[in-house]
């Protein structure tokens, strides 16, 4: 059963990757990135890793040509001891905006895991 789920997830990721526009751009201004409690490495993972914000956004808006991270709202500050919560806002093609709820979860060993879910802007 685990192997079947892994296979389905891999195929879905490949299909999503094929659905993205090769000419799309993503803008993440440094001042917006600094709004997050995530350090540089965690921020990169939050954006690019499977299950991250960028991955979720490609899934929800595969045809968006220009994406911009416009704001990060800290709901609960992350301190590596308790879960932090942030809301990230991404604008698509200068028009609609999507919001994602990001939970930064300490793993108890000095690392951080995360979850991302679509939220209301």
PDB file of N, CA and C in Angstrom:
ATOM      1  N   UNK A   1       0.815  -1.186   0.000  1.00  0.00           N
ATOM      2  CA  UNK A   1       0.000   0.000   0.000  1.00  0.00           C
ATOM      3  C   UNK A   1       0.867   1.261   0.000  1.00  0.00           C
ATOM      4  N   UNK A   2       1.952   1.265   0.826  1.00  0.00           N
ATOM      5  CA  UNK A   2       2.839   2.422   0.867  1.00  0.00           C
ATOM      6  C   UNK A   2       3.468   2.677  -0.494  1.00  0.00           C
ATOM      7  N   UNK A   3       3.846   1.592  -1.184  1.00  0.00           N
ATOM      8  CA  UNK A   3       4.488   1.742  -2.484  1.00  0.00           C
ATOM      9  C   UNK A   3       3.509   2.312  -3.506  1.00  0.00           C
ATOM     10  N   UNK A   4       2.252   1.918  -3.421  1.00  0.00           N
ATOM     11  CA  UNK A   4       1.235   2.439  -4.340  1.00  0.00           C
ATOM     12  C   UNK A   4       1.037   3.931  -4.119  1.00  0.00           C
ATOM     13  N   UNK A   5       0.961   4.353  -2.848  1.00  0.00           N
ATOM     14  CA  UNK A   5       0.795   5.771  -2.546  1.00  0.00           C
ATOM     15  C   UNK A   5       2.000   6.575  -3.015  1.00  0.00           C
ATOM     16  N   UNK A   6       3.191   6.032  -2.825  1.00  0.00           N
ATOM     17  CA  UNK A   6       4.405   6.706  -3.272  1.00  0.00           C
ATOM     18  C   UNK A   6       4.407   6.845  -4.789  1.00  0.00           C
ATOM     19  N   UNK A   7       4.001   5.807  -5.491  1.00  0.00           N
ATOM     20  CA  UNK A   7       3.935   5.848  -6.947  1.00  0.00           C
ATOM     21  C   UNK A   7       2.926   6.891  -7.420  1.00  0.00           C
ATOM     22  N   UNK A   8       1.763   6.927  -6.803  1.00  0.00           N
ATOM     23  CA  UNK A   8       0.737   7.909  -7.167  1.00  0.00           C
ATOM     24  C   UNK A   8       1.240   9.322  -6.905  1.00  0.00           C
ATOM     25  N   UNK A   9       1.895   9.545  -5.760  1.00  0.00           N
ATOM     26  CA  UNK A   9       2.423  10.866  -5.431  1.00  0.00           C
ATOM     27  C   UNK A   9       3.502  11.287  -6.428  1.00  0.00           C
ATOM     28  N   UNK A  10       4.355  10.361  -6.830  1.00  0.00           N
ATOM     29  CA  UNK A  10       5.406  10.663  -7.801  1.00  0.00           C
ATOM     30  C   UNK A  10       4.819  11.022  -9.155  1.00  0.00           C
ATOM     31  N   UNK A  11       3.850  10.276  -9.605  1.00  0.00           N
ATOM     32  CA  UNK A  11       3.202  10.565 -10.887  1.00  0.00           C
ATOM     33  C   UNK A  11       2.507  11.917 -10.833  1.00  0.00           C
ATOM     34  N   UNK A  12       1.826  12.204  -9.731  1.00  0.00           N
ATOM     35  CA  UNK A  12       1.142  13.493  -9.583  1.00  0.00           C
ATOM     36  C   UNK A  12       2.147  14.639  -9.631  1.00  0.00           C
ATOM     37  N   UNK A  13       3.282  14.482  -8.955  1.00  0.00           N
ATOM     38  CA  UNK A  13       4.309  15.526  -8.965  1.00  0.00           C
ATOM     39  C   UNK A  13       4.846  15.754 -10.371  1.00  0.00           C
ATOM     40  N   UNK A  14       5.059  14.668 -11.117  1.00  0.00           N
ATOM     41  CA  UNK A  14       5.540  14.806 -12.492  1.00  0.00           C
ATOM     42  C   UNK A  14       4.515  15.512 -13.374  1.00  0.00           C
ATOM     43  N   UNK A  15       3.257  15.152 -13.219  1.00  0.00           N
ATOM     44  CA  UNK A  15       2.208  15.789 -14.011  1.00  0.00           C
ATOM     45  C   UNK A  15       2.073  17.260 -13.663  1.00  0.00           C
ATOM     46  N   UNK A  16       2.177  17.590 -12.392  1.00  0.00           N
ATOM     47  CA  UNK A  16       2.111  18.983 -11.975  1.00  0.00           C
ATOM     48  C   UNK A  16       3.292  19.745 -12.557  1.00  0.00           C
ATOM     49  N   UNK A  17       4.454  19.138 -12.514  1.00  0.00           N
ATOM     50  CA  UNK A  17       5.631  19.772 -13.097  1.00  0.00           C
ATOM     51  C   UNK A  17       5.463  20.024 -14.582  1.00  0.00           C
ATOM     52  N   UNK A  18       4.812  19.108 -15.284  1.00  0.00           N
ATOM     53  CA  UNK A  18       4.580  19.280 -16.714  1.00  0.00           C
ATOM     54  C   UNK A  18       3.531  20.347 -16.989  1.00  0.00           C
ATOM     55  N   UNK A  19       2.668  20.620 -16.018  1.00  0.00           N
ATOM     56  CA  UNK A  19       1.599  21.587 -16.217  1.00  0.00           C
ATOM     57  C   UNK A  19       2.057  23.018 -15.973  1.00  0.00           C
ATOM     58  N   UNK A  20       3.249  23.202 -15.396  1.00  0.00           N
ATOM     59  CA  UNK A  20       3.714  24.555 -15.130  1.00  0.00           C
ATOM     60  C   UNK A  20       4.230  25.189 -16.403  1.00  0.00           C
ATOM     61  N   UNK A  21       4.130  26.484 -16.444  1.00  0.00           N
ATOM     62  CA  UNK A  21       4.603  27.224 -17.606  1.00  0.00           C
ATOM     63  C   UNK A  21       6.119  27.341 -17.557  1.00  0.00           C
ATOM     64  N   UNK A  22       6.796  27.024 -18.654  1.00  0.00           N
ATOM     65  CA  UNK A  22       8.253  27.158 -18.653  1.00  0.00           C
ATOM     66  C   UNK A  22       8.702  28.609 -18.620  1.00  0.00           C
ATOM     67  N   UNK A  23       7.814  29.541 -18.999  1.00  0.00           N
ATOM     68  CA  UNK A  23       8.171  30.957 -19.025  1.00  0.00           C
ATOM     69  C   UNK A  23       7.661  31.708 -17.801  1.00  0.00           C
ATOM     70  N   UNK A  24       7.315  30.986 -16.728  1.00  0.00           N
ATOM     71  CA  UNK A  24       6.798  31.648 -15.534  1.00  0.00           C
ATOM     72  C   UNK A  24       7.942  32.199 -14.686  1.00  0.00           C
ATOM     73  N   UNK A  25       7.621  33.237 -13.903  1.00  0.00           N
ATOM     74  CA  UNK A  25       8.598  33.838 -13.002  1.00  0.00           C
ATOM     75  C   UNK A  25       8.001  33.938 -11.604  1.00  0.00           C
ATOM     76  N   UNK A  26       8.880  33.912 -10.626  1.00  0.00           N
ATOM     77  CA  UNK A  26       8.491  34.065  -9.233  1.00  0.00           C
ATOM     78  C   UNK A  26       9.313  35.195  -8.644  1.00  0.00           C
ATOM     79  N   UNK A  27       8.637  36.130  -7.979  1.00  0.00           N
ATOM     80  CA  UNK A  27       9.318  37.247  -7.333  1.00  0.00           C
ATOM     81  C   UNK A  27       9.144  37.126  -5.828  1.00  0.00           C
ATOM     82  N   UNK A  28      10.277  37.102  -5.121  1.00  0.00           N
ATOM     83  CA  UNK A  28      10.256  37.071  -3.658  1.00  0.00           C
ATOM     84  C   UNK A  28      11.170  38.204  -3.186  1.00  0.00           C
ATOM     85  N   UNK A  29      10.587  39.376  -2.913  1.00  0.00           N
ATOM     86  CA  UNK A  29      11.416  40.492  -2.445  1.00  0.00           C
ATOM     87  C   UNK A  29      12.074  40.177  -1.099  1.00  0.00           C
ATOM     88  N   UNK A  30      13.332  40.583  -0.909  1.00  0.00           N
ATOM     89  CA  UNK A  30      14.038  40.296   0.349  1.00  0.00           C
ATOM     90  C   UNK A  30      13.293  40.837   1.575  1.00  0.00           C
ATOM     91  N   UNK A  31      12.662  41.998   1.444  1.00  0.00           N
ATOM     92  CA  UNK A  31      11.957  42.565   2.597  1.00  0.00           C
ATOM     93  C   UNK A  31      10.732  41.735   2.979  1.00  0.00           C
ATOM     94  N   UNK A  32      10.147  41.029   2.005  1.00  0.00           N
ATOM     95  CA  UNK A  32       9.018  40.136   2.294  1.00  0.00           C
ATOM     96  C   UNK A  32       9.542  38.864   2.955  1.00  0.00           C
ATOM     97  N   UNK A  33      10.630  38.338   2.449  1.00  0.00           N
ATOM     98  CA  UNK A  33      11.213  37.130   3.033  1.00  0.00           C
ATOM     99  C   UNK A  33      11.580  37.358   4.494  1.00  0.00           C
ATOM    100  N   UNK A  34      12.045  38.550   4.826  1.00  0.00           N
ATOM    101  CA  UNK A  34      12.443  38.862   6.203  1.00  0.00           C
ATOM    102  C   UNK A  34      11.259  38.889   7.161  1.00  0.00           C
ATOM    103  N   UNK A  35      10.037  38.943   6.635  1.00  0.00           N
ATOM    104  CA  UNK A  35       8.848  38.932   7.496  1.00  0.00           C
ATOM    105  C   UNK A  35       8.655  37.562   8.150  1.00  0.00           C
ATOM    106  N   UNK A  36       9.213  36.514   7.549  1.00  0.00           N
ATOM    107  CA  UNK A  36       9.058  35.151   8.053  1.00  0.00           C
ATOM    108  C   UNK A  36      10.050  34.872   9.178  1.00  0.00           C
ATOM    109  N   UNK A  37       9.663  33.997  10.095  1.00  0.00           N
ATOM    110  CA  UNK A  37      10.560  33.552  11.149  1.00  0.00           C
ATOM    111  C   UNK A  37      11.499  32.448  10.668  1.00  0.00           C
ATOM    112  N   UNK A  38      11.326  31.973   9.448  1.00  0.00           N
ATOM    113  CA  UNK A  38      12.169  30.911   8.901  1.00  0.00           C
ATOM    114  C   UNK A  38      13.537  31.463   8.520  1.00  0.00           C
ATOM    115  N   UNK A  39      14.591  30.696   8.823  1.00  0.00           N
ATOM    116  CA  UNK A  39      15.915  31.099   8.376  1.00  0.00           C
ATOM    117  C   UNK A  39      16.030  30.845   6.872  1.00  0.00           C
ATOM    118  N   UNK A  40      17.158  31.192   6.302  1.00  0.00           N
ATOM    119  CA  UNK A  40      17.355  31.108   4.846  1.00  0.00           C
ATOM    120  C   UNK A  40      17.084  29.704   4.296  1.00  0.00           C
ATOM    121  N   UNK A  41      17.638  28.692   4.929  1.00  0.00           N
ATOM    122  CA  UNK A  41      17.490  27.316   4.444  1.00  0.00           C
ATOM    123  C   UNK A  41      16.040  26.830   4.577  1.00  0.00           C
ATOM    124  N   UNK A  42      15.425  27.077   5.730  1.00  0.00           N
ATOM    125  CA  UNK A  42      14.046  26.660   5.938  1.00  0.00           C
ATOM    126  C   UNK A  42      13.118  27.400   4.977  1.00  0.00           C
ATOM    127  N   UNK A  43      13.377  28.679   4.751  1.00  0.00           N
ATOM    128  CA  UNK A  43      12.556  29.441   3.819  1.00  0.00           C
ATOM    129  C   UNK A  43      12.620  28.828   2.419  1.00  0.00           C
ATOM    130  N   UNK A  44      13.814  28.458   1.989  1.00  0.00           N
ATOM    131  CA  UNK A  44      13.986  27.826   0.677  1.00  0.00           C
ATOM    132  C   UNK A  44      13.194  26.521   0.618  1.00  0.00           C
ATOM    133  N   UNK A  45      13.262  25.729   1.678  1.00  0.00           N
ATOM    134  CA  UNK A  45      12.481  24.487   1.726  1.00  0.00           C
ATOM    135  C   UNK A  45      10.981  24.769   1.727  1.00  0.00           C
ATOM    136  N   UNK A  46      10.573  25.782   2.475  1.00  0.00           N
ATOM    137  CA  UNK A  46       9.150  26.136   2.511  1.00  0.00           C
ATOM    138  C   UNK A  46       8.644  26.508   1.125  1.00  0.00           C
ATOM    139  N   UNK A  47       9.514  27.067   0.303  1.00  0.00           N
ATOM    140  CA  UNK A  47       9.097  27.461  -1.036  1.00  0.00           C
ATOM    141  C   UNK A  47       9.212  26.311  -2.038  1.00  0.00           C
ATOM    142  N   UNK A  48      10.316  25.568  -2.008  1.00  0.00           N
ATOM    143  CA  UNK A  48      10.604  24.634  -3.104  1.00  0.00           C
ATOM    144  C   UNK A  48      10.322  23.158  -2.826  1.00  0.00           C
ATOM    145  N   UNK A  49      10.293  22.761  -1.577  1.00  0.00           N
ATOM    146  CA  UNK A  49      10.142  21.328  -1.262  1.00  0.00           C
ATOM    147  C   UNK A  49       8.746  20.816  -1.601  1.00  0.00           C
ATOM    148  N   UNK A  50       8.640  19.531  -1.930  1.00  0.00           N
ATOM    149  CA  UNK A  50       7.302  18.954  -2.112  1.00  0.00           C
ATOM    150  C   UNK A  50       6.471  19.203  -0.849  1.00  0.00           C
ATOM    151  N   UNK A  51       5.274  19.698  -1.036  1.00  0.00           N
ATOM    152  CA  UNK A  51       4.419  20.048   0.090  1.00  0.00           C
ATOM    153  C   UNK A  51       4.616  21.464   0.573  1.00  0.00           C
ATOM    154  N   UNK A  52       5.584  22.187  -0.010  1.00  0.00           N
ATOM    155  CA  UNK A  52       5.833  23.575   0.369  1.00  0.00           C
ATOM    156  C   UNK A  52       4.870  24.541  -0.312  1.00  0.00           C
ATOM    157  N   UNK A  53       5.040  25.810  -0.025  1.00  0.00           N
ATOM    158  CA  UNK A  53       4.147  26.840  -0.559  1.00  0.00           C
ATOM    159  C   UNK A  53       4.224  26.909  -2.084  1.00  0.00           C
ATOM    160  N   UNK A  54       5.427  26.909  -2.629  1.00  0.00           N
ATOM    161  CA  UNK A  54       5.565  26.971  -4.085  1.00  0.00           C
ATOM    162  C   UNK A  54       4.940  25.769  -4.762  1.00  0.00           C
ATOM    163  N   UNK A  55       5.134  24.601  -4.176  1.00  0.00           N
ATOM    164  CA  UNK A  55       4.556  23.364  -4.702  1.00  0.00           C
ATOM    165  C   UNK A  55       3.031  23.430  -4.667  1.00  0.00           C
ATOM    166  N   UNK A  56       2.485  23.880  -3.534  1.00  0.00           N
ATOM    167  CA  UNK A  56       1.025  24.000  -3.401  1.00  0.00           C
ATOM    168  C   UNK A  56       0.476  25.010  -4.399  1.00  0.00           C
ATOM    169  N   UNK A  57       1.196  26.110  -4.583  1.00  0.00           N
ATOM    170  CA  UNK A  57       0.715  27.151  -5.489  1.00  0.00           C
ATOM    171  C   UNK A  57       0.732  26.689  -6.945  1.00  0.00           C
ATOM    172  N   UNK A  58       1.744  25.941  -7.317  1.00  0.00           N
ATOM    173  CA  UNK A  58       1.785  25.391  -8.685  1.00  0.00           C
ATOM    174  C   UNK A  58       0.615  24.437  -8.900  1.00  0.00           C
ATOM    175  N   UNK A  59       0.277  23.694  -7.864  1.00  0.00           N
ATOM    176  CA  UNK A  59      -0.851  22.771  -7.948  1.00  0.00           C
ATOM    177  C   UNK A  59      -2.160  23.526  -8.147  1.00  0.00           C
ATOM    178  N   UNK A  60      -2.335  24.612  -7.390  1.00  0.00           N
ATOM    179  CA  UNK A  60      -3.585  25.374  -7.435  1.00  0.00           C
ATOM    180  C   UNK A  60      -3.668  26.310  -8.644  1.00  0.00           C
ATOM    181  N   UNK A  61      -2.533  26.850  -9.079  1.00  0.00           N
ATOM    182  CA  UNK A  61      -2.497  27.839 -10.166  1.00  0.00           C
ATOM    183  C   UNK A  61      -1.418  27.476 -11.187  1.00  0.00           C
ATOM    184  N   UNK A  62      -1.578  26.379 -11.897  1.00  0.00           N
ATOM    185  CA  UNK A  62      -0.520  25.917 -12.802  1.00  0.00           C
ATOM    186  C   UNK A  62      -0.298  26.825 -14.015  1.00  0.00           C
ATOM    187  N   UNK A  63      -1.264  27.615 -14.370  1.00  0.00           N
ATOM    188  CA  UNK A  63      -1.122  28.443 -15.569  1.00  0.00           C
ATOM    189  C   UNK A  63      -0.697  29.883 -15.280  1.00  0.00           C
ATOM    190  N   UNK A  64      -0.522  30.231 -14.027  1.00  0.00           N
ATOM    191  CA  UNK A  64      -0.085  31.586 -13.682  1.00  0.00           C
ATOM    192  C   UNK A  64       1.311  31.822 -14.235  1.00  0.00           C
ATOM    193  N   UNK A  65       1.474  32.917 -14.906  1.00  0.00           N
ATOM    194  CA  UNK A  65       2.742  33.220 -15.558  1.00  0.00           C
ATOM    195  C   UNK A  65       3.719  33.958 -14.626  1.00  0.00           C
ATOM    196  N   UNK A  66       3.189  34.926 -13.893  1.00  0.00           N
ATOM    197  CA  UNK A  66       4.018  35.712 -12.976  1.00  0.00           C
ATOM    198  C   UNK A  66       3.451  35.608 -11.571  1.00  0.00           C
ATOM    199  N   UNK A  67       4.274  35.142 -10.655  1.00  0.00           N
ATOM    200  CA  UNK A  67       3.858  34.995  -9.262  1.00  0.00           C
ATOM    201  C   UNK A  67       4.742  35.882  -8.402  1.00  0.00           C
ATOM    202  N   UNK A  68       4.110  36.499  -7.403  1.00  0.00           N
ATOM    203  CA  UNK A  68       4.868  37.343  -6.480  1.00  0.00           C
ATOM    204  C   UNK A  68       4.415  37.076  -5.053  1.00  0.00           C
ATOM    205  N   UNK A  69       5.372  36.805  -4.190  1.00  0.00           N
ATOM    206  CA  UNK A  69       5.086  36.699  -2.768  1.00  0.00           C
ATOM    207  C   UNK A  69       4.965  38.139  -2.278  1.00  0.00           C
ATOM    208  N   UNK A  70       3.759  38.541  -1.890  1.00  0.00           N
ATOM    209  CA  UNK A  70       3.509  39.946  -1.575  1.00  0.00           C
ATOM    210  C   UNK A  70       3.511  40.266  -0.084  1.00  0.00           C
ATOM    211  N   UNK A  71       3.278  39.246   0.751  1.00  0.00           N
ATOM    212  CA  UNK A  71       3.217  39.517   2.183  1.00  0.00           C
ATOM    213  C   UNK A  71       3.308  38.209   2.959  1.00  0.00           C
ATOM    214  N   UNK A  72       3.913  38.283   4.123  1.00  0.00           N
ATOM    215  CA  UNK A  72       3.908  37.185   5.083  1.00  0.00           C
ATOM    216  C   UNK A  72       3.397  37.767   6.401  1.00  0.00           C
ATOM    217  N   UNK A  73       2.335  37.196   6.878  1.00  0.00           N
ATOM    218  CA  UNK A  73       1.724  37.646   8.127  1.00  0.00           C
ATOM    219  C   UNK A  73       2.024  36.591   9.199  1.00  0.00           C
ATOM    220  N   UNK A  74       2.728  36.986  10.247  1.00  0.00           N
ATOM    221  CA  UNK A  74       3.051  36.066  11.330  1.00  0.00           C
ATOM    222  C   UNK A  74       1.881  36.039  12.314  1.00  0.00           C
ATOM    223  N   UNK A  75       1.255  34.888  12.441  1.00  0.00           N
ATOM    224  CA  UNK A  75       0.134  34.720  13.364  1.00  0.00           C
ATOM    225  C   UNK A  75       0.619  34.261  14.735  1.00  0.00           C
ATOM    226  N   UNK A  76       1.594  33.340  14.736  1.00  0.00           N
ATOM    227  CA  UNK A  76       2.241  32.863  15.963  1.00  0.00           C
ATOM    228  C   UNK A  76       3.731  32.784  15.677  1.00  0.00           C
ATOM    229  N   UNK A  77       4.548  33.578  16.367  1.00  0.00           N
ATOM    230  CA  UNK A  77       5.995  33.534  16.107  1.00  0.00           C
ATOM    231  C   UNK A  77       6.576  32.148  16.380  1.00  0.00           C
ATOM    232  N   UNK A  78       7.528  31.757  15.545  1.00  0.00           N
ATOM    233  CA  UNK A  78       8.191  30.461  15.689  1.00  0.00           C
ATOM    234  C   UNK A  78       9.467  30.652  16.488  1.00  0.00           C
ATOM    235  N   UNK A  79       9.674  29.816  17.527  1.00  0.00           N
ATOM    236  CA  UNK A  79      10.868  29.944  18.359  1.00  0.00           C
ATOM    237  C   UNK A  79      11.627  28.623  18.520  1.00  0.00           C
ATOM    238  N   UNK A  80      11.342  27.633  17.680  1.00  0.00           N
ATOM    239  CA  UNK A  80      11.981  26.319  17.712  1.00  0.00           C
ATOM    240  C   UNK A  80      11.612  25.504  18.951  1.00  0.00           C
ATOM    241  N   UNK A  81      10.602  25.989  19.714  1.00  0.00           N
ATOM    242  CA  UNK A  81      10.107  25.238  20.867  1.00  0.00           C
ATOM    243  C   UNK A  81       8.621  24.955  20.728  1.00  0.00           C
ATOM    244  N   UNK A  82       7.903  25.888  20.140  1.00  0.00           N
ATOM    245  CA  UNK A  82       6.477  25.700  19.912  1.00  0.00           C
ATOM    246  C   UNK A  82       6.168  26.010  18.451  1.00  0.00           C
ATOM    247  N   UNK A  83       5.074  25.475  17.955  1.00  0.00           N
ATOM    248  CA  UNK A  83       4.701  25.641  16.553  1.00  0.00           C
ATOM    249  C   UNK A  83       4.421  27.106  16.237  1.00  0.00           C
ATOM    250  N   UNK A  84       5.000  27.563  15.139  1.00  0.00           N
ATOM    251  CA  UNK A  84       4.731  28.906  14.643  1.00  0.00           C
ATOM    252  C   UNK A  84       3.781  28.816  13.459  1.00  0.00           C
ATOM    253  N   UNK A  85       2.997  29.869  13.259  1.00  0.00           N
ATOM    254  CA  UNK A  85       2.032  29.897  12.163  1.00  0.00           C
ATOM    255  C   UNK A  85       2.188  31.212  11.398  1.00  0.00           C
ATOM    256  N   UNK A  86       2.278  31.090  10.072  1.00  0.00           N
ATOM    257  CA  UNK A  86       2.386  32.254   9.191  1.00  0.00           C
ATOM    258  C   UNK A  86       1.383  32.113   8.060  1.00  0.00           C
ATOM    259  N   UNK A  87       0.941  33.242   7.543  1.00  0.00           N
ATOM    260  CA  UNK A  87       0.076  33.247   6.361  1.00  0.00           C
ATOM    261  C   UNK A  87       0.861  33.941   5.241  1.00  0.00           C
ATOM    262  N   UNK A  88       1.048  33.210   4.138  1.00  0.00           N
ATOM    263  CA  UNK A  88       1.791  33.728   2.991  1.00  0.00           C
ATOM    264  C   UNK A  88       0.811  34.078   1.875  1.00  0.00           C
ATOM    265  N   UNK A  89       1.006  35.238   1.259  1.00  0.00           N
ATOM    266  CA  UNK A  89       0.133  35.718   0.186  1.00  0.00           C
ATOM    267  C   UNK A  89       0.901  35.742  -1.140  1.00  0.00           C
ATOM    268  N   UNK A  90       0.327  35.098  -2.156  1.00  0.00           N
ATOM    269  CA  UNK A  90       0.947  35.055  -3.480  1.00  0.00           C
ATOM    270  C   UNK A  90      -0.022  35.643  -4.490  1.00  0.00           C
ATOM    271  N   UNK A  91       0.465  36.623  -5.237  1.00  0.00           N
ATOM    272  CA  UNK A  91      -0.342  37.248  -6.287  1.00  0.00           C
ATOM    273  C   UNK A  91       0.010  36.609  -7.629  1.00  0.00           C
ATOM    274  N   UNK A  92      -1.017  36.354  -8.432  1.00  0.00           N
ATOM    275  CA  UNK A  92      -0.838  35.694  -9.729  1.00  0.00           C
ATOM    276  C   UNK A  92      -1.138  36.658 -10.862  1.00  0.00           C
ATOM    277  N   UNK A  93      -0.155  36.853 -11.723  1.00  0.00           N
ATOM    278  CA  UNK A  93      -0.298  37.696 -12.911  1.00  0.00           C
ATOM    279  C   UNK A  93      -0.839  39.076 -12.571  1.00  0.00           C
ATOM    280  N   UNK A  94      -0.468  39.606 -11.406  1.00  0.00           N
ATOM    281  CA  UNK A  94      -0.887  40.940 -11.004  1.00  0.00           C
ATOM    282  C   UNK A  94      -2.366  41.059 -10.693  1.00  0.00           C
ATOM    283  N   UNK A  95      -3.048  39.937 -10.526  1.00  0.00           N
ATOM    284  CA  UNK A  95      -4.495  39.981 -10.312  1.00  0.00           C
ATOM    285  C   UNK A  95      -4.880  39.296  -9.003  1.00  0.00           C
ATOM    286  N   UNK A  96      -5.331  38.058  -9.080  1.00  0.00           N
ATOM    287  CA  UNK A  96      -5.850  37.374  -7.897  1.00  0.00           C
ATOM    288  C   UNK A  96      -4.722  37.020  -6.927  1.00  0.00           C
ATOM    289  N   UNK A  97      -5.094  36.919  -5.655  1.00  0.00           N
ATOM    290  CA  UNK A  97      -4.140  36.589  -4.605  1.00  0.00           C
ATOM    291  C   UNK A  97      -4.612  35.339  -3.869  1.00  0.00           C
ATOM    292  N   UNK A  98      -3.683  34.444  -3.618  1.00  0.00           N
ATOM    293  CA  UNK A  98      -3.963  33.235  -2.846  1.00  0.00           C
ATOM    294  C   UNK A  98      -3.224  33.330  -1.523  1.00  0.00           C
ATOM    295  N   UNK A  99      -3.837  32.782  -0.487  1.00  0.00           N
ATOM    296  CA  UNK A  99      -3.208  32.756   0.836  1.00  0.00           C
ATOM    297  C   UNK A  99      -2.959  31.311   1.244  1.00  0.00           C
ATOM    298  N   UNK A 100      -1.833  31.084   1.894  1.00  0.00           N
ATOM    299  CA  UNK A 100      -1.468  29.753   2.375  1.00  0.00           C
ATOM    300  C   UNK A 100      -1.100  29.844   3.850  1.00  0.00           C
ATOM    301  N   UNK A 101      -1.627  28.933   4.640  1.00  0.00           N
ATOM    302  CA  UNK A 101      -1.311  28.852   6.049  1.00  0.00           C
ATOM    303  C   UNK A 101      -0.119  27.911   6.209  1.00  0.00           C
ATOM    304  N   UNK A 102       0.961  28.426   6.782  1.00  0.00           N
ATOM    305  CA  UNK A 102       2.206  27.674   6.942  1.00  0.00           C
ATOM    306  C   UNK A 102       2.438  27.442   8.430  1.00  0.00           C
ATOM    307  N   UNK A 103       2.584  26.181   8.818  1.00  0.00           N
ATOM    308  CA  UNK A 103       2.875  25.843  10.206  1.00  0.00           C
ATOM    309  C   UNK A 103       4.309  25.343  10.288  1.00  0.00           C
ATOM    310  N   UNK A 104       5.114  25.989  11.132  1.00  0.00           N
ATOM    311  CA  UNK A 104       6.501  25.625  11.373  1.00  0.00           C
ATOM    312  C   UNK A 104       6.519  24.816  12.667  1.00  0.00           C
ATOM    313  N   UNK A 105       6.869  23.546  12.561  1.00  0.00           N
ATOM    314  CA  UNK A 105       6.732  22.618  13.678  1.00  0.00           C
ATOM    315  C   UNK A 105       8.107  22.111  14.114  1.00  0.00           C
ATOM    316  N   UNK A 106       8.508  22.381  15.359  1.00  0.00           N
ATOM    317  CA  UNK A 106       9.797  21.861  15.828  1.00  0.00           C
ATOM    318  C   UNK A 106       9.744  20.340  15.929  1.00  0.00           C
ATOM    319  N   UNK A 107      10.844  19.691  15.528  1.00  0.00           N
ATOM    320  CA  UNK A 107      10.854  18.222  15.559  1.00  0.00           C
ATOM    321  C   UNK A 107      11.409  17.657  16.861  1.00  0.00           C
ATOM    322  N   UNK A 108      11.806  18.530  17.780  1.00  0.00           N
ATOM    323  CA  UNK A 108      12.335  18.076  19.061  1.00  0.00           C
ATOM    324  C   UNK A 108      13.817  17.752  19.045  1.00  0.00           C
ATOM    325  N   UNK A 109      14.440  17.848  17.868  1.00  0.00           N
ATOM    326  CA  UNK A 109      15.872  17.538  17.732  1.00  0.00           C
ATOM    327  C   UNK A 109      16.628  18.700  17.094  1.00  0.00           C
ATOM    328  N   UNK A 110      16.073  19.901  17.172  1.00  0.00           N
ATOM    329  CA  UNK A 110      16.728  21.073  16.601  1.00  0.00           C
ATOM    330  C   UNK A 110      16.324  21.382  15.174  1.00  0.00           C
ATOM    331  N   UNK A 111      15.537  20.528  14.565  1.00  0.00           N
ATOM    332  CA  UNK A 111      15.076  20.750  13.203  1.00  0.00           C
ATOM    333  C   UNK A 111      13.635  21.242  13.172  1.00  0.00           C
ATOM    334  N   UNK A 112      13.161  21.467  11.977  1.00  0.00           N
ATOM    335  CA  UNK A 112      11.807  21.972  11.795  1.00  0.00           C
ATOM    336  C   UNK A 112      11.133  21.251  10.643  1.00  0.00           C
ATOM    337  N   UNK A 113       9.904  20.828  10.865  1.00  0.00           N
ATOM    338  CA  UNK A 113       9.075  20.329   9.777  1.00  0.00           C
ATOM    339  C   UNK A 113       8.000  21.387   9.523  1.00  0.00           C
ATOM    340  N   UNK A 114       7.215  21.185   8.476  1.00  0.00           N
ATOM    341  CA  UNK A 114       6.193  22.179   8.180  1.00  0.00           C
ATOM    342  C   UNK A 114       5.008  21.546   7.476  1.00  0.00           C
ATOM    343  N   UNK A 115       3.895  22.242   7.559  1.00  0.00           N
ATOM    344  CA  UNK A 115       2.712  21.892   6.776  1.00  0.00           C
ATOM    345  C   UNK A 115       2.236  23.166   6.086  1.00  0.00           C
ATOM    346  N   UNK A 116       1.595  22.980   4.950  1.00  0.00           N
ATOM    347  CA  UNK A 116       1.056  24.104   4.175  1.00  0.00           C
ATOM    348  C   UNK A 116      -0.344  23.746   3.737  1.00  0.00           C
ATOM    349  N   UNK A 117      -1.262  24.682   3.891  1.00  0.00           N
ATOM    350  CA  UNK A 117      -2.626  24.473   3.396  1.00  0.00           C
ATOM    351  C   UNK A 117      -3.159  25.783   2.853  1.00  0.00           C
ATOM    352  N   UNK A 118      -4.022  25.671   1.862  1.00  0.00           N
ATOM    353  CA  UNK A 118      -4.646  26.853   1.279  1.00  0.00           C
ATOM    354  C   UNK A 118      -5.525  27.499   2.325  1.00  0.00           C
ATOM    355  N   UNK A 119      -5.538  28.823   2.340  1.00  0.00           N
ATOM    356  CA  UNK A 119      -6.314  29.590   3.301  1.00  0.00           C
ATOM    357  C   UNK A 119      -7.082  30.672   2.554  1.00  0.00           C
ATOM    358  N   UNK A 120      -7.907  31.407   3.250  1.00  0.00           N
ATOM    359  CA  UNK A 120      -8.663  32.501   2.648  1.00  0.00           C
ATOM    360  C   UNK A 120      -7.837  33.775   2.723  1.00  0.00           C
ATOM    361  N   UNK A 121      -7.734  34.538   1.615  1.00  0.00           N
ATOM    362  CA  UNK A 121      -6.969  35.799   1.651  1.00  0.00           C
ATOM    363  C   UNK A 121      -7.680  36.879   2.447  1.00  0.00           C
TER     364      UNK A 121
END
